[in-house]
Amino acid sequence: MRTLVVGDIHGGLKGVQQALERCRPKATDTFVFLGDYVDGWSENAETIHFLIEFSKNQNCIFLRGNHDELCYHYLKDGIANDMWLHHGGISTQKSYAEINAAEKAAHLEFFEALVNYHIDDENRLYVHAGFTNLHGPQFEYYPNMVYWDRTLWEMACAIAPELDRNDAFYPPRLKLFDEIFIGHTPVTRMDRTVPTRRANVWNIDTGAAFKGPLSIIDVQTKEVWQSDPLYTLYPVEKGRN
């Protein structure tokens, strides 16, 4: 049985479909989607519809990303703040302009069912962004930190490669889990377009919202499947550039 982690999608339905086709899903697979399903490319409502249908025949765990929370508040309460609009919300507004009431209700149900983090039986943590509490994401005083935080990844990147996990200076947060899988902060900022490990943290956001591909990784073997760069799949769009 495989556990496959899917990076940030950002309305790039063609990207997630292509990456899934390349990993050849099996009935026994579990897919962990790291969040940020919307805001970027044009197929935002279409992406949510696809994920709902995909999960009917596949075991899926859907995490909540910061963009998903913003989209949910727009659909539920009409909240469209400038920050959200500037970072992909306009494409989501356009995508949702034509859906009917039944579709909107189904999508709201999808967003409401998202989880903030997942810990599997092998003590691996899956979370959209990170966490700050020294006891783990389940103890965050502000629960939404887990889909906004960047300090976990920044800390992992700052650790000297030779620092041993048992060293007194090794960050306590990272000792809580055998491995941590995140998205949120594109590794394209490090001039990389493949899932990247720092310490025991794997970042699967390979910049699909911008110029990178969408990635899927097998947590056991670390085999990776990727779509083509998203801008080549949406050649007349700008994404979040």
Protein backbone atom coordinates (compact mmCIF):
# COMPACT_ATOMS: atom_id res chain seq x y z
CA MET A 1 0.00 0.00 0.00
CA ARG A 2 1.36 3.41 -0.97
CA THR A 3 0.90 6.74 0.78
CA LEU A 4 1.22 9.46 -1.84
CA VAL A 5 1.52 13.14 -0.95
CA VAL A 6 0.23 15.73 -3.43
CA GLY A 7 1.62 19.25 -3.44
CA ASP A 8 -0.17 22.58 -3.78
CA ILE A 9 -2.52 22.71 -6.80
CA HIS A 10 -3.68 26.36 -6.98
CA GLY A 11 -6.44 25.87 -9.54
CA GLY A 12 -4.16 23.92 -11.88
CA LEU A 13 -6.50 21.04 -12.60
CA LYS A 14 -4.53 19.97 -15.67
CA GLY A 15 -1.42 19.64 -13.51
CA VAL A 16 -2.92 17.42 -10.83
CA GLN A 17 -4.63 15.25 -13.45
CA GLN A 18 -1.37 14.80 -15.32
CA ALA A 19 0.65 13.99 -12.20
CA LEU A 20 -1.99 11.51 -11.00
CA GLU A 21 -2.03 9.82 -14.40
CA ARG A 22 1.75 9.43 -14.22
CA CYS A 23 1.71 7.85 -10.74
CA ARG A 24 -0.97 5.35 -11.83
CA PRO A 25 -3.24 5.25 -8.77
CA LYS A 26 -4.02 1.87 -7.26
CA ALA A 27 -7.13 1.03 -5.26
CA THR A 28 -4.97 0.49 -2.16
CA ASP A 29 -3.27 3.89 -2.32
CA THR A 30 -3.87 6.63 0.21
CA PHE A 31 -3.51 10.17 -1.10
CA VAL A 32 -2.67 13.03 1.24
CA PHE A 33 -3.38 16.39 -0.39
CA LEU A 34 -1.45 19.18 1.30
CA GLY A 35 -3.93 21.97 0.60
CA ASP A 36 -4.10 25.17 -1.45
CA TYR A 37 -6.43 23.69 -4.04
CA VAL A 38 -7.49 27.12 -5.32
CA ASP A 39 -6.20 30.61 -6.19
CA GLY A 40 -3.86 30.78 -9.13
CA TRP A 41 -4.77 29.17 -12.43
CA SER A 42 -8.27 29.35 -13.88
CA GLU A 43 -9.76 25.95 -12.97
CA ASN A 44 -10.52 26.50 -9.30
CA ALA A 45 -14.13 25.33 -8.96
CA GLU A 46 -13.29 22.61 -11.48
CA THR A 47 -10.40 21.43 -9.28
CA ILE A 48 -12.65 21.10 -6.23
CA HIS A 49 -15.22 19.19 -8.28
CA PHE A 50 -12.49 16.85 -9.52
CA LEU A 51 -11.17 16.19 -6.00
CA ILE A 52 -14.66 15.44 -4.69
CA GLU A 53 -15.19 12.91 -7.48
CA PHE A 54 -11.68 11.44 -7.14
CA SER A 55 -12.21 10.78 -3.43
CA LYS A 56 -15.31 8.68 -4.14
CA ASN A 57 -13.10 5.88 -5.47
CA GLN A 58 -9.84 6.57 -3.63
CA ASN A 59 -8.84 6.91 0.01
CA CYS A 60 -8.01 10.61 0.39
CA ILE A 61 -6.99 12.91 3.21
CA PHE A 62 -7.51 16.57 2.37
CA LEU A 63 -5.58 19.13 4.42
CA ARG A 64 -6.56 22.77 4.75
CA GLY A 65 -4.36 25.42 3.16
CA ASN A 66 -4.48 29.15 3.76
CA HIS A 67 -5.95 29.76 0.30
CA ASP A 68 -8.68 27.21 0.96
CA GLU A 69 -9.68 29.03 4.13
CA LEU A 70 -9.84 32.35 2.27
CA CYS A 71 -11.88 30.82 -0.54
CA TYR A 72 -14.26 29.25 1.97
CA HIS A 73 -14.98 32.61 3.60
CA TYR A 74 -15.62 34.11 0.18
CA LEU A 75 -18.08 31.37 -0.78
CA LYS A 76 -19.82 31.33 2.59
CA ASP A 77 -19.86 34.99 3.60
CA GLY A 78 -18.79 36.94 0.51
CA ILE A 79 -15.54 38.09 2.15
CA ALA A 80 -13.02 39.12 -0.50
CA ASN A 81 -10.19 41.06 1.11
CA ASP A 82 -7.49 42.75 -0.96
CA MET A 83 -4.77 40.32 0.13
CA TRP A 84 -6.75 37.34 -1.13
CA LEU A 85 -7.67 39.03 -4.40
CA HIS A 86 -4.05 40.04 -5.01
CA HIS A 87 -2.79 36.48 -4.41
CA GLY A 88 -5.01 34.48 -6.72
CA GLY A 89 -8.49 35.25 -5.44
CA ILE A 90 -9.58 36.97 -8.64
CA SER A 91 -9.17 33.76 -10.65
CA THR A 92 -11.20 31.91 -8.02
CA GLN A 93 -13.97 34.51 -8.14
CA LYS A 94 -14.20 34.11 -11.91
CA SER A 95 -14.19 30.32 -11.69
CA TYR A 96 -17.03 30.28 -9.15
CA ALA A 97 -19.18 32.84 -10.94
CA GLU A 98 -21.17 30.26 -12.87
CA ILE A 99 -21.71 27.42 -10.38
CA ASN A 100 -25.22 26.64 -9.21
CA ALA A 101 -26.49 26.45 -5.63
CA ALA A 102 -26.13 22.67 -5.35
CA GLU A 103 -22.53 22.79 -6.54
CA LYS A 104 -21.71 25.62 -4.18
CA ALA A 105 -23.19 23.68 -1.26
CA ALA A 106 -21.11 20.62 -2.15
CA HIS A 107 -17.94 22.71 -2.34
CA LEU A 108 -18.66 24.38 1.00
CA GLU A 109 -19.06 20.92 2.50
CA PHE A 110 -15.70 19.93 1.02
CA PHE A 111 -13.96 22.97 2.52
CA GLU A 112 -15.61 22.44 5.91
CA ALA A 113 -14.39 18.84 6.02
CA LEU A 114 -10.72 19.72 5.48
CA VAL A 115 -8.37 18.81 8.32
CA ASN A 116 -5.58 20.99 9.71
CA TYR A 117 -3.01 18.20 9.94
CA HIS A 118 -2.65 14.42 9.83
CA ILE A 119 -0.32 12.10 11.76
CA ASP A 120 -0.04 8.57 10.41
CA ASP A 121 0.78 5.30 12.16
CA GLU A 122 4.49 5.71 11.36
CA ASN A 123 4.67 9.05 13.21
CA ARG A 124 4.82 11.08 10.03
CA LEU A 125 3.18 14.51 10.12
CA TYR A 126 1.40 16.03 7.14
CA VAL A 127 0.57 19.73 7.41
CA HIS A 128 0.11 22.50 4.89
CA ALA A 129 2.60 25.00 6.30
CA GLY A 130 4.11 24.16 9.71
CA PHE A 131 3.60 24.64 13.43
CA THR A 132 5.15 26.67 16.22
CA ASN A 133 4.15 24.89 19.42
CA LEU A 134 6.97 22.79 20.89
CA HIS A 135 4.48 20.00 21.62
CA GLY A 136 3.10 19.73 18.10
CA PRO A 137 0.35 21.12 15.87
CA GLN A 138 -2.40 19.64 18.02
CA PHE A 139 -1.42 22.11 20.77
CA GLU A 140 -1.31 25.31 18.72
CA TYR A 141 -2.98 28.16 20.58
CA TYR A 142 -3.98 29.66 17.24
CA PRO A 143 -5.03 26.65 15.12
CA ASN A 144 -4.76 28.51 11.82
CA MET A 145 -0.99 28.79 12.31
CA VAL A 146 -0.66 25.34 10.76
CA TYR A 147 -1.66 26.66 7.35
CA TRP A 148 0.19 30.01 7.56
CA ASP A 149 3.46 29.28 9.35
CA ARG A 150 6.77 29.46 7.47
CA THR A 151 9.14 29.24 10.43
CA LEU A 152 9.25 25.43 10.47
CA TRP A 153 10.62 25.30 6.91
CA GLU A 154 12.95 28.25 7.50
CA MET A 155 14.30 26.51 10.60
CA ALA A 156 14.81 23.23 8.76
CA CYS A 157 16.68 25.03 5.99
CA ALA A 158 18.95 26.75 8.53
CA ILE A 159 20.10 23.54 10.23
CA ALA A 160 23.65 22.51 9.41
CA PRO A 161 23.53 19.18 7.53
CA GLU A 162 26.04 17.64 9.91
CA LEU A 163 23.97 18.42 13.03
CA ASP A 164 22.87 15.13 14.56
CA ARG A 165 19.26 14.60 15.63
CA ASN A 166 20.48 13.77 19.16
CA ASP A 167 22.49 16.96 19.47
CA ALA A 168 21.30 19.33 22.21
CA PHE A 169 20.99 22.10 19.62
CA TYR A 170 18.72 20.10 17.30
CA PRO A 171 15.30 21.85 17.25
CA PRO A 172 12.83 20.12 19.59
CA ARG A 173 9.95 20.66 17.16
CA LEU A 174 11.61 18.45 14.58
CA LYS A 175 12.22 15.65 17.07
CA LEU A 176 8.48 15.14 17.54
CA PHE A 177 8.00 13.34 14.21
CA ASP A 178 10.03 10.92 12.14
CA GLU A 179 9.23 12.90 9.00
CA ILE A 180 7.19 16.01 8.22
CA PHE A 181 5.59 16.71 4.82
CA ILE A 182 4.62 20.28 4.01
CA GLY A 183 3.70 22.60 1.15
CA HIS A 184 2.96 26.36 1.29
CA THR A 185 6.48 27.71 0.61
CA PRO A 186 7.56 26.95 -2.97
CA VAL A 187 10.99 25.38 -3.30
CA THR A 188 11.37 27.39 -6.50
CA ARG A 189 12.53 30.14 -4.13
CA MET A 190 15.62 27.92 -3.71
CA ASP A 191 15.91 27.43 -7.49
CA ARG A 192 14.55 23.90 -7.17
CA THR A 193 11.60 22.24 -8.91
CA VAL A 194 11.57 18.86 -7.12
CA PRO A 195 10.41 17.91 -3.60
CA THR A 196 13.18 18.99 -1.27
CA ARG A 197 14.29 17.66 2.10
CA ARG A 198 15.88 19.71 4.84
CA ALA A 199 16.51 17.92 8.15
CA ASN A 200 13.47 15.62 8.42
CA VAL A 201 11.12 18.03 6.61
CA TRP A 202 10.01 17.34 3.04
CA ASN A 203 8.64 20.32 1.10
CA ILE A 204 6.39 19.16 -1.77
CA ASP A 205 5.38 22.60 -3.04
CA THR A 206 7.35 22.73 -6.30
CA GLY A 207 5.89 26.01 -7.49
CA ALA A 208 2.80 24.87 -9.40
CA ALA A 209 1.20 28.25 -8.71
CA PHE A 210 4.01 29.92 -10.62
CA LYS A 211 6.48 28.42 -13.12
CA GLY A 212 7.00 25.00 -11.55
CA PRO A 213 5.36 21.58 -11.89
CA LEU A 214 2.93 19.89 -9.53
CA SER A 215 4.50 17.02 -7.59
CA ILE A 216 3.46 13.77 -5.95
CA ILE A 217 5.82 11.80 -3.70
CA ASP A 218 5.67 8.27 -2.27
CA VAL A 219 6.47 8.67 1.44
CA GLN A 220 8.14 5.25 1.66
CA THR A 221 10.27 5.08 -1.47
CA LYS A 222 10.52 8.84 -2.16
CA GLU A 223 9.69 8.18 -5.80
CA VAL A 224 8.37 11.38 -7.40
CA TRP A 225 5.91 12.00 -10.22
CA GLN A 226 5.47 15.46 -11.70
CA SER A 227 3.29 17.28 -14.15
CA ASP A 228 4.71 19.52 -16.81
CA PRO A 229 5.32 23.07 -15.59
CA LEU A 230 1.87 24.57 -15.11
CA TYR A 231 2.47 27.59 -17.32
CA THR A 232 2.92 25.21 -20.27
CA LEU A 233 -0.48 23.66 -19.51
CA TYR A 234 -2.13 27.11 -19.30
CA PRO A 235 -0.14 29.00 -21.96
CA VAL A 236 -2.47 32.01 -22.20
CA GLU A 237 -2.67 32.56 -18.43
CA LYS A 238 -0.32 34.16 -15.93
CA GLY A 239 -1.09 32.09 -12.81
CA ARG A 240 0.18 33.90 -9.72
CA ASN A 241 3.23 35.39 -11.49
